[in-house]
PDB file of N, CA and C in Angstrom:
ATOM      1  N   MET A   1     -12.654  65.814 -44.420  1.00  0.00           N
ATOM      2  CA  MET A   1     -13.815  65.034 -44.755  1.00  0.00           C
ATOM      3  C   MET A   1     -13.577  64.396 -46.124  1.00  0.00           C
ATOM      4  N   SER A   2     -13.933  63.157 -46.267  1.00  0.00           N
ATOM      5  CA  SER A   2     -13.715  62.460 -47.541  1.00  0.00           C
ATOM      6  C   SER A   2     -14.762  62.875 -48.575  1.00  0.00           C
ATOM      7  N   ALA A   3     -14.439  62.651 -49.839  1.00  0.00           N
ATOM      8  CA  ALA A   3     -15.382  62.943 -50.916  1.00  0.00           C
ATOM      9  C   ALA A   3     -16.670  62.155 -50.730  1.00  0.00           C
ATOM     10  N   LYS A   4     -16.546  60.904 -50.322  1.00  0.00           N
ATOM     11  CA  LYS A   4     -17.730  60.067 -50.103  1.00  0.00           C
ATOM     12  C   LYS A   4     -18.609  60.650 -49.001  1.00  0.00           C
ATOM     13  N   SER A   5     -18.005  61.142 -47.923  1.00  0.00           N
ATOM     14  CA  SER A   5     -18.764  61.754 -46.827  1.00  0.00           C
ATOM     15  C   SER A   5     -19.456  63.031 -47.282  1.00  0.00           C
ATOM     16  N   ILE A   6     -18.779  63.821 -48.090  1.00  0.00           N
ATOM     17  CA  ILE A   6     -19.386  65.048 -48.614  1.00  0.00           C
ATOM     18  C   ILE A   6     -20.632  64.702 -49.414  1.00  0.00           C
ATOM     19  N   LEU A   7     -20.524  63.707 -50.277  1.00  0.00           N
ATOM     20  CA  LEU A   7     -21.663  63.312 -51.099  1.00  0.00           C
ATOM     21  C   LEU A   7     -22.797  62.746 -50.259  1.00  0.00           C
ATOM     22  N   GLU A   8     -22.473  61.939 -49.281  1.00  0.00           N
ATOM     23  CA  GLU A   8     -23.508  61.275 -48.488  1.00  0.00           C
ATOM     24  C   GLU A   8     -24.111  62.168 -47.406  1.00  0.00           C
ATOM     25  N   GLU A   9     -23.308  63.054 -46.817  1.00  0.00           N
ATOM     26  CA  GLU A   9     -23.768  63.798 -45.648  1.00  0.00           C
ATOM     27  C   GLU A   9     -24.091  65.265 -45.895  1.00  0.00           C
ATOM     28  N   LEU A  10     -23.489  65.887 -46.901  1.00  0.00           N
ATOM     29  CA  LEU A  10     -23.637  67.330 -47.044  1.00  0.00           C
ATOM     30  C   LEU A  10     -24.379  67.784 -48.296  1.00  0.00           C
ATOM     31  N   LEU A  11     -24.138  67.147 -49.406  1.00  0.00           N
ATOM     32  CA  LEU A  11     -24.665  67.641 -50.676  1.00  0.00           C
ATOM     33  C   LEU A  11     -26.187  67.741 -50.666  1.00  0.00           C
ATOM     34  N   HIS A  12     -26.860  66.778 -50.075  1.00  0.00           N
ATOM     35  CA  HIS A  12     -28.332  66.801 -50.057  1.00  0.00           C
ATOM     36  C   HIS A  12     -28.904  67.913 -49.178  1.00  0.00           C
ATOM     37  N   ARG A  13     -28.070  68.549 -48.376  1.00  0.00           N
ATOM     38  CA  ARG A  13     -28.523  69.650 -47.514  1.00  0.00           C
ATOM     39  C   ARG A  13     -28.674  70.970 -48.269  1.00  0.00           C
ATOM     40  N   LEU A  14     -28.188  71.023 -49.492  1.00  0.00           N
ATOM     41  CA  LEU A  14     -28.319  72.237 -50.303  1.00  0.00           C
ATOM     42  C   LEU A  14     -29.731  72.257 -50.887  1.00  0.00           C
ATOM     43  N   ARG A  15     -30.605  73.025 -50.264  1.00  0.00           N
ATOM     44  CA  ARG A  15     -32.010  73.024 -50.680  1.00  0.00           C
ATOM     45  C   ARG A  15     -32.482  74.378 -51.187  1.00  0.00           C
ATOM     46  N   SER A  16     -32.001  75.452 -50.596  1.00  0.00           N
ATOM     47  CA  SER A  16     -32.470  76.779 -50.995  1.00  0.00           C
ATOM     48  C   SER A  16     -31.319  77.587 -51.573  1.00  0.00           C
ATOM     49  N   GLU A  17     -31.651  78.746 -52.123  1.00  0.00           N
ATOM     50  CA  GLU A  17     -30.612  79.587 -52.730  1.00  0.00           C
ATOM     51  C   GLU A  17     -29.654  80.173 -51.702  1.00  0.00           C
ATOM     52  N   ASP A  18     -30.007  80.131 -50.425  1.00  0.00           N
ATOM     53  CA  ASP A  18     -29.128  80.634 -49.377  1.00  0.00           C
ATOM     54  C   ASP A  18     -28.168  79.582 -48.837  1.00  0.00           C
ATOM     55  N   ASP A  19     -28.366  78.329 -49.219  1.00  0.00           N
ATOM     56  CA  ASP A  19     -27.496  77.240 -48.774  1.00  0.00           C
ATOM     57  C   ASP A  19     -26.295  77.122 -49.709  1.00  0.00           C
ATOM     58  N   TYR A  20     -25.137  76.925 -49.137  1.00  0.00           N
ATOM     59  CA  TYR A  20     -23.972  76.650 -49.969  1.00  0.00           C
ATOM     60  C   TYR A  20     -23.017  75.753 -49.202  1.00  0.00           C
ATOM     61  N   LEU A  21     -22.165  75.105 -49.947  1.00  0.00           N
ATOM     62  CA  LEU A  21     -21.161  74.214 -49.381  1.00  0.00           C
ATOM     63  C   LEU A  21     -19.800  74.738 -49.807  1.00  0.00           C
ATOM     64  N   GLY A  22     -18.888  74.851 -48.870  1.00  0.00           N
ATOM     65  CA  GLY A  22     -17.533  75.288 -49.163  1.00  0.00           C
ATOM     66  C   GLY A  22     -16.552  74.163 -48.903  1.00  0.00           C
ATOM     67  N   ILE A  23     -15.696  73.906 -49.861  1.00  0.00           N
ATOM     68  CA  ILE A  23     -14.651  72.901 -49.720  1.00  0.00           C
ATOM     69  C   ILE A  23     -13.316  73.623 -49.858  1.00  0.00           C
ATOM     70  N   MET A  24     -12.463  73.483 -48.850  1.00  0.00           N
ATOM     71  CA  MET A  24     -11.190  74.194 -48.829  1.00  0.00           C
ATOM     72  C   MET A  24     -10.036  73.194 -48.955  1.00  0.00           C
ATOM     73  N   ASP A  25      -9.045  73.562 -49.754  1.00  0.00           N
ATOM     74  CA  ASP A  25      -7.873  72.696 -49.889  1.00  0.00           C
ATOM     75  C   ASP A  25      -6.802  73.102 -48.874  1.00  0.00           C
ATOM     76  N   ALA A  26      -5.669  72.450 -48.924  1.00  0.00           N
ATOM     77  CA  ALA A  26      -4.582  72.691 -47.967  1.00  0.00           C
ATOM     78  C   ALA A  26      -3.965  74.083 -48.109  1.00  0.00           C
ATOM     79  N   ARG A  27      -4.171  74.731 -49.257  1.00  0.00           N
ATOM     80  CA  ARG A  27      -3.636  76.083 -49.479  1.00  0.00           C
ATOM     81  C   ARG A  27      -4.690  77.164 -49.265  1.00  0.00           C
ATOM     82  N   ASP A  28      -5.792  76.801 -48.649  1.00  0.00           N
ATOM     83  CA  ASP A  28      -6.905  77.716 -48.363  1.00  0.00           C
ATOM     84  C   ASP A  28      -7.632  78.208 -49.608  1.00  0.00           C
ATOM     85  N   ASN A  29      -7.503  77.498 -50.725  1.00  0.00           N
ATOM     86  CA  ASN A  29      -8.324  77.789 -51.894  1.00  0.00           C
ATOM     87  C   ASN A  29      -9.711  77.220 -51.623  1.00  0.00           C
ATOM     88  N   LEU A  30     -10.732  77.931 -52.066  1.00  0.00           N
ATOM     89  CA  LEU A  30     -12.102  77.556 -51.744  1.00  0.00           C
ATOM     90  C   LEU A  30     -12.891  77.207 -52.995  1.00  0.00           C
ATOM     91  N   LEU A  31     -13.641  76.121 -52.912  1.00  0.00           N
ATOM     92  CA  LEU A  31     -14.618  75.743 -53.934  1.00  0.00           C
ATOM     93  C   LEU A  31     -15.979  75.907 -53.287  1.00  0.00           C
ATOM     94  N   GLN A  32     -16.825  76.750 -53.873  1.00  0.00           N
ATOM     95  CA  GLN A  32     -18.164  76.964 -53.347  1.00  0.00           C
ATOM     96  C   GLN A  32     -19.181  76.287 -54.252  1.00  0.00           C
ATOM     97  N   ILE A  33     -20.175  75.674 -53.641  1.00  0.00           N
ATOM     98  CA  ILE A  33     -21.228  74.975 -54.374  1.00  0.00           C
ATOM     99  C   ILE A  33     -22.567  75.507 -53.882  1.00  0.00           C
ATOM    100  N   LEU A  34     -23.380  75.997 -54.814  1.00  0.00           N
ATOM    101  CA  LEU A  34     -24.691  76.535 -54.495  1.00  0.00           C
ATOM    102  C   LEU A  34     -25.732  75.850 -55.382  1.00  0.00           C
ATOM    103  N   ARG A  35     -26.883  75.544 -54.837  1.00  0.00           N
ATOM    104  CA  ARG A  35     -27.944  74.916 -55.626  1.00  0.00           C
ATOM    105  C   ARG A  35     -28.743  76.000 -56.333  1.00  0.00           C
ATOM    106  N   ASP A  36     -29.027  75.793 -57.601  1.00  0.00           N
ATOM    107  CA  ASP A  36     -29.856  76.715 -58.370  1.00  0.00           C
ATOM    108  C   ASP A  36     -31.314  76.437 -58.002  1.00  0.00           C
ATOM    109  N   PRO A  37     -32.022  77.418 -57.432  1.00  0.00           N
ATOM    110  CA  PRO A  37     -33.398  77.172 -57.001  1.00  0.00           C
ATOM    111  C   PRO A  37     -34.369  76.964 -58.157  1.00  0.00           C
ATOM    112  N   VAL A  38     -33.989  77.386 -59.357  1.00  0.00           N
ATOM    113  CA  VAL A  38     -34.882  77.282 -60.507  1.00  0.00           C
ATOM    114  C   VAL A  38     -34.783  75.919 -61.194  1.00  0.00           C
ATOM    115  N   GLY A  39     -33.568  75.424 -61.362  1.00  0.00           N
ATOM    116  CA  GLY A  39     -33.374  74.174 -62.088  1.00  0.00           C
ATOM    117  C   GLY A  39     -32.701  73.127 -61.235  1.00  0.00           C
ATOM    118  N   ASP A  40     -32.557  71.958 -61.804  1.00  0.00           N
ATOM    119  CA  ASP A  40     -31.891  70.867 -61.100  1.00  0.00           C
ATOM    120  C   ASP A  40     -30.409  70.901 -61.460  1.00  0.00           C
ATOM    121  N   ARG A  41     -29.750  71.964 -61.009  1.00  0.00           N
ATOM    122  CA  ARG A  41     -28.328  72.140 -61.273  1.00  0.00           C
ATOM    123  C   ARG A  41     -27.692  72.895 -60.123  1.00  0.00           C
ATOM    124  N   TYR A  42     -26.368  72.951 -60.144  1.00  0.00           N
ATOM    125  CA  TYR A  42     -25.591  73.571 -59.074  1.00  0.00           C
ATOM    126  C   TYR A  42     -24.583  74.528 -59.678  1.00  0.00           C
ATOM    127  N   TRP A  43     -24.397  75.676 -59.032  1.00  0.00           N
ATOM    128  CA  TRP A  43     -23.363  76.619 -59.427  1.00  0.00           C
ATOM    129  C   TRP A  43     -22.112  76.278 -58.622  1.00  0.00           C
ATOM    130  N   VAL A  44     -21.011  76.044 -59.324  1.00  0.00           N
ATOM    131  CA  VAL A  44     -19.737  75.681 -58.708  1.00  0.00           C
ATOM    132  C   VAL A  44     -18.755  76.782 -59.060  1.00  0.00           C
ATOM    133  N   GLU A  45     -18.084  77.347 -58.040  1.00  0.00           N
ATOM    134  CA  GLU A  45     -17.182  78.458 -58.331  1.00  0.00           C
ATOM    135  C   GLU A  45     -15.948  78.440 -57.446  1.00  0.00           C
ATOM    136  N   LEU A  46     -14.900  79.032 -58.001  1.00  0.00           N
ATOM    137  CA  LEU A  46     -13.648  79.256 -57.282  1.00  0.00           C
ATOM    138  C   LEU A  46     -13.514  80.772 -57.111  1.00  0.00           C
ATOM    139  N   PRO A  47     -13.848  81.309 -55.931  1.00  0.00           N
ATOM    140  CA  PRO A  47     -13.747  82.759 -55.733  1.00  0.00           C
ATOM    141  C   PRO A  47     -12.296  83.229 -55.613  1.00  0.00           C
ATOM    142  N   VAL A  48     -12.075  84.447 -56.074  1.00  0.00           N
ATOM    143  CA  VAL A  48     -10.769  85.095 -55.949  1.00  0.00           C
ATOM    144  C   VAL A  48     -11.032  86.445 -55.285  1.00  0.00           C
ATOM    145  N   ASP A  49     -10.883  86.481 -53.971  1.00  0.00           N
ATOM    146  CA  ASP A  49     -11.213  87.686 -53.205  1.00  0.00           C
ATOM    147  C   ASP A  49     -10.450  88.916 -53.680  1.00  0.00           C
ATOM    148  N   GLU A  50      -9.151  88.759 -53.956  1.00  0.00           N
ATOM    149  CA  GLU A  50      -8.333  89.899 -54.370  1.00  0.00           C
ATOM    150  C   GLU A  50      -8.872  90.541 -55.644  1.00  0.00           C
ATOM    151  N   ALA A  51      -9.409  89.742 -56.543  1.00  0.00           N
ATOM    152  CA  ALA A  51      -9.935  90.249 -57.811  1.00  0.00           C
ATOM    153  C   ALA A  51     -11.416  90.615 -57.699  1.00  0.00           C
ATOM    154  N   ARG A  52     -12.021  90.334 -56.554  1.00  0.00           N
ATOM    155  CA  ARG A  52     -13.458  90.526 -56.355  1.00  0.00           C
ATOM    156  C   ARG A  52     -14.241  89.891 -57.495  1.00  0.00           C
ATOM    157  N   ALA A  53     -13.922  88.607 -57.730  1.00  0.00           N
ATOM    158  CA  ALA A  53     -14.537  87.870 -58.827  1.00  0.00           C
ATOM    159  C   ALA A  53     -14.481  86.378 -58.511  1.00  0.00           C
ATOM    160  N   SER A  54     -15.090  85.611 -59.376  1.00  0.00           N
ATOM    161  CA  SER A  54     -14.991  84.158 -59.257  1.00  0.00           C
ATOM    162  C   SER A  54     -15.039  83.559 -60.651  1.00  0.00           C
ATOM    163  N   SER A  55     -14.583  82.324 -60.729  1.00  0.00           N
ATOM    164  CA  SER A  55     -14.686  81.549 -61.958  1.00  0.00           C
ATOM    165  C   SER A  55     -15.602  80.384 -61.639  1.00  0.00           C
ATOM    166  N   GLY A  56     -16.663  80.233 -62.422  1.00  0.00           N
ATOM    167  CA  GLY A  56     -17.618  79.191 -62.100  1.00  0.00           C
ATOM    168  C   GLY A  56     -18.413  78.711 -63.295  1.00  0.00           C
ATOM    169  N   ARG A  57     -19.264  77.725 -63.028  1.00  0.00           N
ATOM    170  CA  ARG A  57     -20.163  77.194 -64.052  1.00  0.00           C
ATOM    171  C   ARG A  57     -21.236  76.360 -63.387  1.00  0.00           C
ATOM    172  N   TYR A  58     -22.292  76.088 -64.143  1.00  0.00           N
ATOM    173  CA  TYR A  58     -23.360  75.222 -63.662  1.00  0.00           C
ATOM    174  C   TYR A  58     -23.027  73.769 -63.990  1.00  0.00           C
ATOM    175  N   LEU A  59     -23.377  72.881 -63.065  1.00  0.00           N
ATOM    176  CA  LEU A  59     -23.215  71.441 -63.264  1.00  0.00           C
ATOM    177  C   LEU A  59     -24.505  70.728 -62.864  1.00  0.00           C
ATOM    178  N   ARG A  60     -24.823  69.684 -63.573  1.00  0.00           N
ATOM    179  CA  ARG A  60     -25.918  68.807 -63.150  1.00  0.00           C
ATOM    180  C   ARG A  60     -25.426  67.989 -61.962  1.00  0.00           C
ATOM    181  N   LEU A  61     -26.345  67.399 -61.205  1.00  0.00           N
ATOM    182  CA  LEU A  61     -25.988  66.649 -60.010  1.00  0.00           C
ATOM    183  C   LEU A  61     -24.962  65.569 -60.305  1.00  0.00           C
ATOM    184  N   GLU A  62     -25.149  64.829 -61.375  1.00  0.00           N
ATOM    185  CA  GLU A  62     -24.222  63.745 -61.713  1.00  0.00           C
ATOM    186  C   GLU A  62     -22.820  64.281 -61.988  1.00  0.00           C
ATOM    187  N   GLU A  63     -22.740  65.408 -62.686  1.00  0.00           N
ATOM    188  CA  GLU A  63     -21.449  66.031 -62.966  1.00  0.00           C
ATOM    189  C   GLU A  63     -20.780  66.513 -61.679  1.00  0.00           C
ATOM    190  N   LEU A  64     -21.579  67.081 -60.782  1.00  0.00           N
ATOM    191  CA  LEU A  64     -21.054  67.571 -59.513  1.00  0.00           C
ATOM    192  C   LEU A  64     -20.531  66.418 -58.658  1.00  0.00           C
ATOM    193  N   GLN A  65     -21.270  65.336 -58.609  1.00  0.00           N
ATOM    194  CA  GLN A  65     -20.832  64.172 -57.842  1.00  0.00           C
ATOM    195  C   GLN A  65     -19.503  63.645 -58.375  1.00  0.00           C
ATOM    196  N   GLU A  66     -19.389  63.583 -59.688  1.00  0.00           N
ATOM    197  CA  GLU A  66     -18.146  63.129 -60.322  1.00  0.00           C
ATOM    198  C   GLU A  66     -16.989  64.075 -60.004  1.00  0.00           C
ATOM    199  N   LEU A  67     -17.261  65.387 -60.056  1.00  0.00           N
ATOM    200  CA  LEU A  67     -16.233  66.377 -59.743  1.00  0.00           C
ATOM    201  C   LEU A  67     -15.735  66.208 -58.307  1.00  0.00           C
ATOM    202  N   ILE A  68     -16.644  66.076 -57.374  1.00  0.00           N
ATOM    203  CA  ILE A  68     -16.261  65.932 -55.969  1.00  0.00           C
ATOM    204  C   ILE A  68     -15.414  64.683 -55.759  1.00  0.00           C
ATOM    205  N   LEU A  69     -15.759  63.611 -56.426  1.00  0.00           N
ATOM    206  CA  LEU A  69     -15.000  62.364 -56.274  1.00  0.00           C
ATOM    207  C   LEU A  69     -13.582  62.460 -56.825  1.00  0.00           C
ATOM    208  N   ARG A  70     -13.358  63.383 -57.770  1.00  0.00           N
ATOM    209  CA  ARG A  70     -12.024  63.483 -58.386  1.00  0.00           C
ATOM    210  C   ARG A  70     -11.325  64.825 -58.118  1.00  0.00           C
ATOM    211  N   LEU A  71     -11.724  65.517 -57.058  1.00  0.00           N
ATOM    212  CA  LEU A  71     -11.077  66.796 -56.748  1.00  0.00           C
ATOM    213  C   LEU A  71      -9.595  66.603 -56.473  1.00  0.00           C
ATOM    214  N   PRO A  72      -8.757  67.448 -57.055  1.00  0.00           N
ATOM    215  CA  PRO A  72      -7.317  67.364 -56.795  1.00  0.00           C
ATOM    216  C   PRO A  72      -6.986  67.956 -55.429  1.00  0.00           C
ATOM    217  N   PRO A  73      -5.792  67.704 -54.928  1.00  0.00           N
ATOM    218  CA  PRO A  73      -5.384  68.252 -53.626  1.00  0.00           C
ATOM    219  C   PRO A  73      -5.340  69.781 -53.600  1.00  0.00           C
ATOM    220  N   VAL A  74      -5.059  70.398 -54.750  1.00  0.00           N
ATOM    221  CA  VAL A  74      -5.026  71.858 -54.858  1.00  0.00           C
ATOM    222  C   VAL A  74      -6.077  72.285 -55.872  1.00  0.00           C
ATOM    223  N   LEU A  75      -6.979  73.165 -55.440  1.00  0.00           N
ATOM    224  CA  LEU A  75      -8.059  73.648 -56.301  1.00  0.00           C
ATOM    225  C   LEU A  75      -7.579  74.810 -57.158  1.00  0.00           C
ATOM    226  N   GLU A  76      -7.638  74.625 -58.466  1.00  0.00           N
ATOM    227  CA  GLU A  76      -7.234  75.656 -59.428  1.00  0.00           C
ATOM    228  C   GLU A  76      -8.253  75.685 -60.553  1.00  0.00           C
ATOM    229  N   ARG A  77      -8.234  76.758 -61.339  1.00  0.00           N
ATOM    230  CA  ARG A  77      -9.190  76.895 -62.453  1.00  0.00           C
ATOM    231  C   ARG A  77      -9.186  75.682 -63.376  1.00  0.00           C
ATOM    232  N   GLY A  78      -8.031  75.112 -63.615  1.00  0.00           N
ATOM    233  CA  GLY A  78      -7.925  73.993 -64.545  1.00  0.00           C
ATOM    234  C   GLY A  78      -8.569  72.709 -64.071  1.00  0.00           C
ATOM    235  N   CYS A  79      -8.908  72.623 -62.795  1.00  0.00           N
ATOM    236  CA  CYS A  79      -9.497  71.379 -62.291  1.00  0.00           C
ATOM    237  C   CYS A  79     -10.972  71.249 -62.645  1.00  0.00           C
ATOM    238  N   ILE A  80     -11.582  72.342 -63.110  1.00  0.00           N
ATOM    239  CA  ILE A  80     -12.976  72.317 -63.541  1.00  0.00           C
ATOM    240  C   ILE A  80     -13.046  72.921 -64.938  1.00  0.00           C
ATOM    241  N   PRO A  81     -13.250  72.112 -65.954  1.00  0.00           N
ATOM    242  CA  PRO A  81     -13.302  72.650 -67.312  1.00  0.00           C
ATOM    243  C   PRO A  81     -14.532  73.534 -67.534  1.00  0.00           C
ATOM    244  N   GLY A  82     -14.368  74.532 -68.382  1.00  0.00           N
ATOM    245  CA  GLY A  82     -15.497  75.359 -68.798  1.00  0.00           C
ATOM    246  C   GLY A  82     -15.898  76.471 -67.843  1.00  0.00           C
ATOM    247  N   LEU A  83     -15.017  76.871 -66.938  1.00  0.00           N
ATOM    248  CA  LEU A  83     -15.357  77.938 -65.997  1.00  0.00           C
ATOM    249  C   LEU A  83     -15.429  79.283 -66.718  1.00  0.00           C
ATOM    250  N   GLU A  84     -16.364  80.119 -66.278  1.00  0.00           N
ATOM    251  CA  GLU A  84     -16.447  81.484 -66.807  1.00  0.00           C
ATOM    252  C   GLU A  84     -16.148  82.471 -65.685  1.00  0.00           C
ATOM    253  N   TYR A  85     -15.480  83.534 -66.037  1.00  0.00           N
ATOM    254  CA  TYR A  85     -15.058  84.565 -65.081  1.00  0.00           C
ATOM    255  C   TYR A  85     -16.204  85.537 -64.847  1.00  0.00           C
ATOM    256  N   ARG A  86     -16.500  85.791 -63.569  1.00  0.00           N
ATOM    257  CA  ARG A  86     -17.585  86.735 -63.230  1.00  0.00           C
ATOM    258  C   ARG A  86     -17.125  87.687 -62.122  1.00  0.00           C
ATOM    259  N   PRO A  87     -17.041  88.983 -62.436  1.00  0.00           N
ATOM    260  CA  PRO A  87     -16.759  89.968 -61.378  1.00  0.00           C
ATOM    261  C   PRO A  87     -17.965  90.063 -60.448  1.00  0.00           C
ATOM    262  N   TRP A  88     -17.707  90.457 -59.200  1.00  0.00           N
ATOM    263  CA  TRP A  88     -18.805  90.609 -58.234  1.00  0.00           C
ATOM    264  C   TRP A  88     -19.434  91.958 -58.349  1.00  0.00           C
TER     265      TRP A  88
END
């Protein structure tokens, strides 16, 4: 699915705290996007199952749209500045 399709068809479907969007790269790395029910922001994270943790941060809608448009082919911590590590 293209970045434009994700923005136009999927992002607006994130309405409740139980909704999330997963974007997977060719190496099966996952980017998860969850809407914060309290504010107008989104939690974006790269989970690491082996470590039972994730690296993530909150983004405003405009920042998230920009991130999706410029996602690299391989999702790594460095592709999203300012991530914080959180154990589960």
